[in-house]
Every structure is written in structure tokens, then in C-alpha cells.
Amino acid sequence: MWTDYYLKFTNYENYSQTMPEALQTEASESHATDVIGTLYRTDTFAPLDGFHVNLRLRNGTPLPPELEPFSLPTPTIPKRVFA
């Protein structure tokens, strides 16, 4: 089983400096990272603030403490999810 996290950084540089290097790889046995970047409103197609990343961690693997300030509540209807 997996736990999904929805992360929002200020920009790419903030992401690359904050995200642990081991989690910046696309996938491993313990995680999957989906770098989205800019998300857009579905009604106006206006860009939403921030640089967005979805992170999937194997159950029992805690979210690294340095990522906690960037974690968003799980959206009711996520714009993008893992298959």
C-alpha cells in the first residue's frame, strides 16, 4: 500500500533545493515522484500559484520533516493522480 502527498513549492529551485535527492528520482521500491510544475484552473485555465509535485511513499515511510511545510491537504478532486 501507498500514501500520497500533494506538495506545493514556491518554484522549481525551491523544489530542487528542498526535496531530498533520493526522492527526486522518478521511482523506486519505496516511492514515486510526479513533478507536475504549474497547475491550471479548470474554469479559466489561469495558472495556480506554486510548483506542484505529487509524492507517493510506501506505507510506513514517513514524509521527511523538511517536506512537511510544503504538504497540502488531500484535494477532494485531485487534478492529477498516480494510476
Protein backbone atom coordinates (compact mmCIF):
# COMPACT_ATOMS: atom_id res chain seq x y z
CA MET A 1 0.00 0.00 0.00
CA TRP A 2 1.00 3.60 -0.56
CA THR A 3 0.38 7.05 0.89
CA ASP A 4 0.06 10.00 -1.48
CA TYR A 5 1.21 13.53 -0.66
CA TYR A 6 0.45 16.68 -2.60
CA LEU A 7 3.30 19.17 -2.33
CA LYS A 8 3.46 22.82 -3.35
CA PHE A 9 6.77 24.65 -3.59
CA THR A 10 7.39 28.29 -4.50
CA ASN A 11 9.20 27.40 -7.72
CA TYR A 12 11.46 24.74 -9.26
CA GLU A 13 14.53 26.00 -7.43
CA ASN A 14 12.71 25.72 -4.10
CA TYR A 15 11.71 22.15 -5.01
CA SER A 16 15.20 21.08 -6.11
CA GLN A 17 16.84 22.57 -3.01
CA THR A 18 14.27 21.15 -0.54
CA MET A 19 13.30 17.74 -1.92
CA PRO A 20 15.73 15.06 -0.71
CA GLU A 21 17.87 13.91 -3.64
CA ALA A 22 16.76 10.29 -3.23
CA LEU A 23 13.13 11.39 -3.78
CA GLN A 24 13.92 13.44 -6.88
CA THR A 25 14.27 10.24 -8.89
CA GLU A 26 11.04 9.24 -10.63
CA ALA A 27 10.50 5.97 -8.78
CA SER A 28 11.98 3.27 -6.59
CA GLU A 29 10.69 0.42 -4.43
CA SER A 30 9.83 2.92 -1.70
CA HIS A 31 8.50 5.95 -3.57
CA ALA A 32 7.20 7.54 -6.77
CA THR A 33 7.60 11.22 -7.63
CA ASP A 34 5.44 13.05 -10.15
CA VAL A 35 6.84 16.51 -10.89
CA ILE A 36 3.92 18.49 -12.27
CA GLY A 37 5.09 22.09 -12.14
CA THR A 38 2.32 24.57 -12.91
CA LEU A 39 -1.32 23.56 -12.45
CA TYR A 40 -4.15 25.46 -14.13
CA ARG A 41 -7.70 26.31 -13.07
CA THR A 42 -10.20 24.18 -14.96
CA ASP A 43 -12.69 27.01 -15.46
CA THR A 44 -10.41 29.84 -16.65
CA PHE A 45 -7.15 28.00 -17.41
CA ALA A 46 -5.36 30.60 -15.30
CA PRO A 47 -2.18 29.27 -13.69
CA LEU A 48 -2.30 28.41 -10.00
CA ASP A 49 0.46 29.65 -7.73
CA GLY A 50 3.35 27.36 -6.94
CA PHE A 51 5.34 24.45 -8.32
CA HIS A 52 3.40 21.23 -7.70
CA VAL A 53 4.74 17.74 -7.04
CA ASN A 54 2.89 14.56 -6.13
CA LEU A 55 4.81 12.14 -3.94
CA ARG A 56 3.81 8.54 -3.22
CA LEU A 57 5.53 6.80 -0.31
CA ARG A 58 5.27 3.18 0.72
CA ASN A 59 3.06 2.84 3.81
CA GLY A 60 5.16 3.13 6.92
CA THR A 61 7.58 5.55 5.24
CA PRO A 62 7.07 8.93 6.90
CA LEU A 63 7.08 12.18 4.96
CA PRO A 64 10.53 13.70 5.51
CA PRO A 65 10.26 16.55 8.04
CA GLU A 66 11.74 19.08 5.60
CA LEU A 67 8.75 18.48 3.28
CA GLU A 68 6.01 18.92 5.91
CA PRO A 69 5.69 22.71 5.35
CA PHE A 70 5.01 22.06 1.64
CA SER A 71 2.38 19.35 2.13
CA LEU A 72 -1.17 20.30 1.13
CA PRO A 73 -4.39 18.70 2.36
CA THR A 74 -5.56 15.91 0.06
CA PRO A 75 -7.74 17.59 -2.59
CA THR A 76 -11.37 16.49 -2.90
CA ILE A 77 -10.81 16.06 -6.63
CA PRO A 78 -7.08 15.98 -7.42
CA LYS A 79 -6.06 17.40 -10.81
CA ARG A 80 -3.51 14.60 -11.28
CA VAL A 81 -3.09 11.26 -9.50
CA PHE A 82 -0.98 8.13 -9.71
CA ALA A 83 -2.54 5.39 -11.85
